[in-house]
Amino acid sequence: MLCRLKKLLLIVFTLLLIPVFSSSAAVYHAETAALLREKILGMNPPELLSFLLEEGLVLPEDFDVHITEMSEPCAYDMTPLILEGVIDDSYRRYSYEPTNQMLFRIYAIYEKLGVIENG
């Protein structure tokens, strides 16, 4: 009888600890995401593009040829809008298809990193 009571108390105690650990993990993730978001927003255009390329960004064909003229400004201009949840990848915004591809690819990286607000 005493052994069963100990097992029951252990199970109850364990079940009570699960929400405590999961909530602290969620808070840690939110803080880490916020710090990364701030770091990203503080980057200049070349740093930001390098960061995105390191995270796996594959540039569309025209953007690959014109890094300084197209890729850096595009990533720099889209980043705050994506991170703040102003634009997403739900539809094609631009008439130039490589720009849409760039948007979708950047969005996917930020989504993978978990840094999009309301995302």
C-alpha atoms as a PDB file:
ATOM      1  CA  MET A   1       0.000   0.000   0.000  1.00  0.00           C
ATOM      2  CA  LEU A   2       2.775   2.447   0.909  1.00  0.00           C
ATOM      3  CA  CYS A   3       4.617   1.626  -2.313  1.00  0.00           C
ATOM      4  CA  ARG A   4       1.515   2.456  -4.397  1.00  0.00           C
ATOM      5  CA  LEU A   5       1.095   5.748  -2.572  1.00  0.00           C
ATOM      6  CA  LYS A   6       4.727   6.676  -3.279  1.00  0.00           C
ATOM      7  CA  LYS A   7       4.285   5.838  -6.963  1.00  0.00           C
ATOM      8  CA  LEU A   8       1.092   7.877  -7.129  1.00  0.00           C
ATOM      9  CA  LEU A   9       2.760  10.864  -5.459  1.00  0.00           C
ATOM     10  CA  LEU A  10       5.704  10.589  -7.819  1.00  0.00           C
ATOM     11  CA  ILE A  11       3.391  10.561 -10.836  1.00  0.00           C
ATOM     12  CA  VAL A  12       1.416  13.549  -9.544  1.00  0.00           C
ATOM     13  CA  PHE A  13       4.602  15.462  -8.770  1.00  0.00           C
ATOM     14  CA  THR A  14       5.982  14.729 -12.232  1.00  0.00           C
ATOM     15  CA  LEU A  15       2.776  15.845 -13.905  1.00  0.00           C
ATOM     16  CA  LEU A  16       2.847  19.076 -11.938  1.00  0.00           C
ATOM     17  CA  LEU A  17       6.422  19.808 -13.029  1.00  0.00           C
ATOM     18  CA  ILE A  18       5.762  19.436 -16.760  1.00  0.00           C
ATOM     19  CA  PRO A  19       3.958  22.803 -17.121  1.00  0.00           C
ATOM     20  CA  VAL A  20       6.637  24.527 -15.054  1.00  0.00           C
ATOM     21  CA  PHE A  21       9.454  23.327 -17.299  1.00  0.00           C
ATOM     22  CA  SER A  22       7.555  23.883 -20.533  1.00  0.00           C
ATOM     23  CA  SER A  23       6.563  27.429 -19.588  1.00  0.00           C
ATOM     24  CA  SER A  24      10.148  28.342 -18.693  1.00  0.00           C
ATOM     25  CA  ALA A  25      11.297  26.869 -22.010  1.00  0.00           C
ATOM     26  CA  ALA A  26       8.717  28.993 -23.837  1.00  0.00           C
ATOM     27  CA  VAL A  27       9.891  32.127 -22.028  1.00  0.00           C
ATOM     28  CA  TYR A  28      13.515  31.311 -22.863  1.00  0.00           C
ATOM     29  CA  HIS A  29      12.630  30.794 -26.547  1.00  0.00           C
ATOM     30  CA  ALA A  30      10.729  34.102 -26.658  1.00  0.00           C
ATOM     31  CA  GLU A  31      13.653  35.966 -25.100  1.00  0.00           C
ATOM     32  CA  THR A  32      16.148  34.322 -27.440  1.00  0.00           C
ATOM     33  CA  ALA A  33      13.967  35.096 -30.480  1.00  0.00           C
ATOM     34  CA  ALA A  34      13.624  38.731 -29.382  1.00  0.00           C
ATOM     35  CA  LEU A  35      17.398  39.085 -29.013  1.00  0.00           C
ATOM     36  CA  LEU A  36      18.012  37.513 -32.418  1.00  0.00           C
ATOM     37  CA  ARG A  37      15.346  39.760 -33.962  1.00  0.00           C
ATOM     38  CA  GLU A  38      17.109  42.835 -32.520  1.00  0.00           C
ATOM     39  CA  LYS A  39      20.461  41.601 -33.792  1.00  0.00           C
ATOM     40  CA  ILE A  40      19.052  41.048 -37.287  1.00  0.00           C
ATOM     41  CA  LEU A  41      17.406  44.477 -37.364  1.00  0.00           C
ATOM     42  CA  GLY A  42      20.707  46.076 -36.346  1.00  0.00           C
ATOM     43  CA  MET A  43      22.662  44.627 -39.258  1.00  0.00           C
ATOM     44  CA  ASN A  44      23.696  46.709 -42.265  1.00  0.00           C
ATOM     45  CA  PRO A  45      22.744  45.427 -45.758  1.00  0.00           C
ATOM     46  CA  PRO A  46      25.937  43.411 -46.479  1.00  0.00           C
ATOM     47  CA  GLU A  47      25.922  41.845 -42.980  1.00  0.00           C
ATOM     48  CA  LEU A  48      22.255  40.955 -43.284  1.00  0.00           C
ATOM     49  CA  LEU A  49      22.660  39.302 -46.669  1.00  0.00           C
ATOM     50  CA  SER A  50      25.683  37.346 -45.424  1.00  0.00           C
ATOM     51  CA  PHE A  51      23.676  36.197 -42.405  1.00  0.00           C
ATOM     52  CA  LEU A  52      20.777  35.082 -44.608  1.00  0.00           C
ATOM     53  CA  LEU A  53      23.117  33.258 -46.982  1.00  0.00           C
ATOM     54  CA  GLU A  54      24.709  31.448 -44.017  1.00  0.00           C
ATOM     55  CA  GLU A  55      21.221  30.432 -42.885  1.00  0.00           C
ATOM     56  CA  GLY A  56      20.539  28.876 -46.280  1.00  0.00           C
ATOM     57  CA  LEU A  57      19.144  31.645 -48.488  1.00  0.00           C
ATOM     58  CA  VAL A  58      19.416  30.769 -52.158  1.00  0.00           C
ATOM     59  CA  LEU A  59      19.246  33.881 -54.295  1.00  0.00           C
ATOM     60  CA  PRO A  60      17.017  34.004 -57.386  1.00  0.00           C
ATOM     61  CA  GLU A  61      18.974  34.207 -60.630  1.00  0.00           C
ATOM     62  CA  ASP A  62      18.947  37.999 -61.179  1.00  0.00           C
ATOM     63  CA  PHE A  63      19.595  38.641 -57.495  1.00  0.00           C
ATOM     64  CA  ASP A  64      22.601  36.311 -57.618  1.00  0.00           C
ATOM     65  CA  VAL A  65      24.151  38.393 -60.399  1.00  0.00           C
ATOM     66  CA  HIS A  66      23.408  41.806 -58.854  1.00  0.00           C
ATOM     67  CA  ILE A  67      24.269  41.338 -55.178  1.00  0.00           C
ATOM     68  CA  THR A  68      24.998  44.949 -54.230  1.00  0.00           C
ATOM     69  CA  GLU A  69      22.373  46.556 -56.452  1.00  0.00           C
ATOM     70  CA  MET A  70      19.472  44.176 -55.820  1.00  0.00           C
ATOM     71  CA  SER A  71      20.002  41.506 -53.163  1.00  0.00           C
ATOM     72  CA  GLU A  72      21.312  43.604 -50.298  1.00  0.00           C
ATOM     73  CA  PRO A  73      18.714  46.400 -50.559  1.00  0.00           C
ATOM     74  CA  CYS A  74      15.868  43.931 -51.086  1.00  0.00           C
ATOM     75  CA  ALA A  75      16.759  41.833 -48.046  1.00  0.00           C
ATOM     76  CA  TYR A  76      17.359  44.964 -45.975  1.00  0.00           C
ATOM     77  CA  ASP A  77      14.021  46.540 -46.951  1.00  0.00           C
ATOM     78  CA  MET A  78      11.951  43.363 -46.559  1.00  0.00           C
ATOM     79  CA  THR A  79      13.423  42.245 -43.241  1.00  0.00           C
ATOM     80  CA  PRO A  80      11.711  44.715 -40.869  1.00  0.00           C
ATOM     81  CA  LEU A  81       8.388  44.191 -42.621  1.00  0.00           C
ATOM     82  CA  ILE A  82       8.673  40.423 -42.346  1.00  0.00           C
ATOM     83  CA  LEU A  83       9.923  40.386 -38.756  1.00  0.00           C
ATOM     84  CA  GLU A  84       7.164  42.730 -37.586  1.00  0.00           C
ATOM     85  CA  GLY A  85       4.494  40.648 -39.310  1.00  0.00           C
ATOM     86  CA  VAL A  86       3.542  43.396 -41.768  1.00  0.00           C
ATOM     87  CA  ILE A  87       4.090  41.189 -44.822  1.00  0.00           C
ATOM     88  CA  ASP A  88       4.107  37.442 -45.154  1.00  0.00           C
ATOM     89  CA  ASP A  89       4.392  34.822 -47.856  1.00  0.00           C
ATOM     90  CA  SER A  90       0.652  34.399 -48.419  1.00  0.00           C
ATOM     91  CA  TYR A  91       0.522  35.993 -51.871  1.00  0.00           C
ATOM     92  CA  ARG A  92       2.639  37.475 -54.600  1.00  0.00           C
ATOM     93  CA  ARG A  93       3.213  41.164 -53.841  1.00  0.00           C
ATOM     94  CA  TYR A  94       5.491  42.150 -56.678  1.00  0.00           C
ATOM     95  CA  SER A  95       5.146  42.114 -60.439  1.00  0.00           C
ATOM     96  CA  TYR A  96       8.770  40.975 -60.767  1.00  0.00           C
ATOM     97  CA  GLU A  97       8.737  37.263 -59.957  1.00  0.00           C
ATOM     98  CA  PRO A  98      12.340  37.017 -58.662  1.00  0.00           C
ATOM     99  CA  THR A  99      11.403  39.609 -56.005  1.00  0.00           C
ATOM    100  CA  ASN A 100       8.507  37.379 -54.907  1.00  0.00           C
ATOM    101  CA  GLN A 101      10.896  34.432 -54.771  1.00  0.00           C
ATOM    102  CA  MET A 102      13.274  36.485 -52.644  1.00  0.00           C
ATOM    103  CA  LEU A 103      10.434  37.411 -50.275  1.00  0.00           C
ATOM    104  CA  PHE A 104       9.297  33.796 -49.922  1.00  0.00           C
ATOM    105  CA  ARG A 105      12.821  32.543 -49.306  1.00  0.00           C
ATOM    106  CA  ILE A 106      13.689  35.220 -46.733  1.00  0.00           C
ATOM    107  CA  TYR A 107      10.363  34.633 -44.988  1.00  0.00           C
ATOM    108  CA  ALA A 108      11.073  30.892 -44.810  1.00  0.00           C
ATOM    109  CA  ILE A 109      14.436  31.509 -43.126  1.00  0.00           C
ATOM    110  CA  TYR A 110      12.965  33.852 -40.527  1.00  0.00           C
ATOM    111  CA  GLU A 111      10.122  31.427 -39.931  1.00  0.00           C
ATOM    112  CA  LYS A 112      12.633  28.605 -39.413  1.00  0.00           C
ATOM    113  CA  LEU A 113      14.529  30.785 -36.923  1.00  0.00           C
ATOM    114  CA  GLY A 114      11.275  31.622 -35.114  1.00  0.00           C
ATOM    115  CA  VAL A 115      11.813  35.381 -35.132  1.00  0.00           C
ATOM    116  CA  ILE A 116       8.656  36.591 -36.901  1.00  0.00           C
ATOM    117  CA  GLU A 117       6.267  38.452 -34.613  1.00  0.00           C
ATOM    118  CA  ASN A 118       2.793  36.905 -34.638  1.00  0.00           C
ATOM    119  CA  GLY A 119       4.231  34.189 -36.839  1.00  0.00           C
END
